[in-house]
Amino acid sequence: MKPLLGLLAVFVVAMLAAVFAGPYGEGVVRMAGYVATLALGGMAALLVQSWKNRRPRR
């Protein structure tokens, strides 16, 4: 559960950086978007992995 919370924190910080970094240039906003996308993908992967581990096996 801790890695999921860490990725959630990274996602939130990256989204805040993307919103408030407009004056610093397009590169900063684009990089924050990349980081947010990677964090969101990691959260989805962890959720799927935990869901698959909870399913009863036949």
N, C-alpha and C. Protein backbone atom coordinates (compact mmCIF):
# COMPACT_ATOMS: atom_id res chain seq x y z
N MET A 1 0.83 -1.20 0.00
CA MET A 1 0.00 0.00 0.00
C MET A 1 0.87 1.26 0.00
N LYS A 2 2.06 1.18 0.61
CA LYS A 2 2.92 2.36 0.66
C LYS A 2 3.40 2.80 -0.72
N PRO A 3 3.77 1.87 -1.62
CA PRO A 3 4.16 2.34 -2.96
C PRO A 3 3.02 3.05 -3.68
N LEU A 4 1.81 2.60 -3.46
CA LEU A 4 0.66 3.24 -4.10
C LEU A 4 0.48 4.67 -3.59
N LEU A 5 0.66 4.86 -2.30
CA LEU A 5 0.54 6.21 -1.74
C LEU A 5 1.68 7.10 -2.22
N GLY A 6 2.86 6.52 -2.37
CA GLY A 6 3.99 7.29 -2.89
C GLY A 6 3.75 7.74 -4.32
N LEU A 7 3.23 6.83 -5.14
CA LEU A 7 2.93 7.20 -6.52
C LEU A 7 1.80 8.22 -6.60
N LEU A 8 0.84 8.11 -5.68
CA LEU A 8 -0.23 9.11 -5.63
C LEU A 8 0.34 10.48 -5.28
N ALA A 9 1.28 10.52 -4.34
CA ALA A 9 1.91 11.79 -3.97
C ALA A 9 2.69 12.37 -5.14
N VAL A 10 3.42 11.52 -5.87
CA VAL A 10 4.17 11.99 -7.04
C VAL A 10 3.22 12.53 -8.10
N PHE A 11 2.10 11.85 -8.30
CA PHE A 11 1.10 12.30 -9.27
C PHE A 11 0.54 13.67 -8.89
N VAL A 12 0.19 13.84 -7.63
CA VAL A 12 -0.39 15.11 -7.19
C VAL A 12 0.63 16.25 -7.33
N VAL A 13 1.87 16.00 -6.93
CA VAL A 13 2.90 17.04 -7.03
C VAL A 13 3.17 17.39 -8.50
N ALA A 14 3.21 16.38 -9.36
CA ALA A 14 3.46 16.65 -10.78
C ALA A 14 2.30 17.43 -11.40
N MET A 15 1.09 17.12 -11.00
CA MET A 15 -0.05 17.87 -11.55
C MET A 15 -0.04 19.31 -11.05
N LEU A 16 0.30 19.52 -9.79
CA LEU A 16 0.41 20.89 -9.28
C LEU A 16 1.52 21.65 -9.99
N ALA A 17 2.64 20.97 -10.26
CA ALA A 17 3.73 21.62 -10.99
C ALA A 17 3.30 21.97 -12.40
N ALA A 18 2.53 21.09 -13.03
CA ALA A 18 2.06 21.38 -14.40
C ALA A 18 1.10 22.56 -14.41
N VAL A 19 0.30 22.68 -13.38
CA VAL A 19 -0.69 23.77 -13.34
C VAL A 19 -0.01 25.11 -13.06
N PHE A 20 0.95 25.13 -12.13
CA PHE A 20 1.52 26.40 -11.69
C PHE A 20 2.85 26.74 -12.35
N ALA A 21 3.35 25.92 -13.26
CA ALA A 21 4.66 26.18 -13.88
C ALA A 21 4.52 26.81 -15.26
N GLY A 22 3.38 27.34 -15.59
CA GLY A 22 3.17 27.93 -16.90
C GLY A 22 4.18 29.00 -17.27
N PRO A 23 4.49 29.93 -16.38
CA PRO A 23 5.45 30.99 -16.75
C PRO A 23 6.88 30.49 -16.98
N TYR A 24 7.21 29.29 -16.52
CA TYR A 24 8.59 28.81 -16.63
C TYR A 24 8.87 28.17 -17.98
N GLY A 25 7.89 27.99 -18.80
CA GLY A 25 8.13 27.48 -20.13
C GLY A 25 7.41 26.17 -20.39
N GLU A 26 7.36 25.84 -21.67
CA GLU A 26 6.64 24.65 -22.09
C GLU A 26 7.34 23.37 -21.65
N GLY A 27 8.67 23.41 -21.57
CA GLY A 27 9.43 22.21 -21.21
C GLY A 27 9.11 21.72 -19.81
N VAL A 28 8.96 22.65 -18.88
CA VAL A 28 8.67 22.26 -17.49
C VAL A 28 7.28 21.64 -17.41
N VAL A 29 6.33 22.25 -18.10
CA VAL A 29 4.96 21.72 -18.07
C VAL A 29 4.91 20.36 -18.73
N ARG A 30 5.63 20.20 -19.84
CA ARG A 30 5.64 18.91 -20.54
C ARG A 30 6.29 17.82 -19.68
N MET A 31 7.40 18.15 -19.00
CA MET A 31 8.06 17.16 -18.15
C MET A 31 7.18 16.78 -16.97
N ALA A 32 6.49 17.75 -16.39
CA ALA A 32 5.57 17.43 -15.29
C ALA A 32 4.44 16.53 -15.78
N GLY A 33 3.99 16.75 -17.00
CA GLY A 33 2.97 15.88 -17.58
C GLY A 33 3.48 14.46 -17.77
N TYR A 34 4.74 14.33 -18.22
CA TYR A 34 5.33 13.00 -18.37
C TYR A 34 5.42 12.28 -17.03
N VAL A 35 5.86 12.99 -16.01
CA VAL A 35 5.99 12.39 -14.68
C VAL A 35 4.62 11.98 -14.15
N ALA A 36 3.62 12.83 -14.35
CA ALA A 36 2.27 12.50 -13.89
C ALA A 36 1.73 11.28 -14.63
N THR A 37 2.01 11.17 -15.92
CA THR A 37 1.54 10.02 -16.69
C THR A 37 2.20 8.74 -16.21
N LEU A 38 3.51 8.80 -15.96
CA LEU A 38 4.21 7.61 -15.46
C LEU A 38 3.70 7.20 -14.07
N ALA A 39 3.44 8.19 -13.21
CA ALA A 39 2.92 7.88 -11.88
C ALA A 39 1.53 7.26 -11.97
N LEU A 40 0.71 7.78 -12.86
CA LEU A 40 -0.64 7.23 -13.02
C LEU A 40 -0.58 5.80 -13.56
N GLY A 41 0.32 5.54 -14.50
CA GLY A 41 0.50 4.18 -15.01
C GLY A 41 1.00 3.24 -13.94
N GLY A 42 1.91 3.71 -13.10
CA GLY A 42 2.40 2.88 -11.99
C GLY A 42 1.31 2.57 -10.99
N MET A 43 0.46 3.55 -10.71
CA MET A 43 -0.65 3.30 -9.79
C MET A 43 -1.61 2.28 -10.37
N ALA A 44 -1.90 2.38 -11.66
CA ALA A 44 -2.79 1.40 -12.29
C ALA A 44 -2.18 0.01 -12.26
N ALA A 45 -0.88 -0.09 -12.51
CA ALA A 45 -0.21 -1.39 -12.48
C ALA A 45 -0.25 -2.01 -11.09
N LEU A 46 -0.02 -1.19 -10.07
CA LEU A 46 -0.07 -1.71 -8.70
C LEU A 46 -1.48 -2.14 -8.32
N LEU A 47 -2.48 -1.39 -8.74
CA LEU A 47 -3.86 -1.77 -8.44
C LEU A 47 -4.24 -3.07 -9.13
N VAL A 48 -3.84 -3.25 -10.38
CA VAL A 48 -4.14 -4.49 -11.09
C VAL A 48 -3.41 -5.66 -10.45
N GLN A 49 -2.15 -5.43 -10.07
CA GLN A 49 -1.38 -6.50 -9.44
C GLN A 49 -2.01 -6.92 -8.11
N SER A 50 -2.42 -5.97 -7.29
CA SER A 50 -3.04 -6.33 -6.02
C SER A 50 -4.40 -6.99 -6.23
N TRP A 51 -5.12 -6.57 -7.27
CA TRP A 51 -6.41 -7.20 -7.57
C TRP A 51 -6.21 -8.64 -8.02
N LYS A 52 -5.20 -8.89 -8.84
CA LYS A 52 -4.96 -10.25 -9.32
C LYS A 52 -4.49 -11.16 -8.18
N ASN A 53 -3.77 -10.61 -7.22
CA ASN A 53 -3.29 -11.42 -6.09
C ASN A 53 -4.41 -11.76 -5.12
N ARG A 54 -5.49 -10.99 -5.10
CA ARG A 54 -6.61 -11.25 -4.18
C ARG A 54 -7.59 -12.26 -4.73
N ARG A 55 -7.62 -12.44 -6.04
CA ARG A 55 -8.61 -13.35 -6.64
C ARG A 55 -8.33 -14.78 -6.22
N PRO A 56 -9.38 -15.52 -5.88
CA PRO A 56 -9.16 -16.93 -5.52
C PRO A 56 -8.78 -17.74 -6.76
N ARG A 57 -7.80 -18.60 -6.57
CA ARG A 57 -7.35 -19.43 -7.69
C ARG A 57 -8.11 -20.74 -7.67
N ARG A 58 -8.38 -21.27 -8.84
CA ARG A 58 -9.14 -22.52 -8.94
C ARG A 58 -8.22 -23.70 -8.88
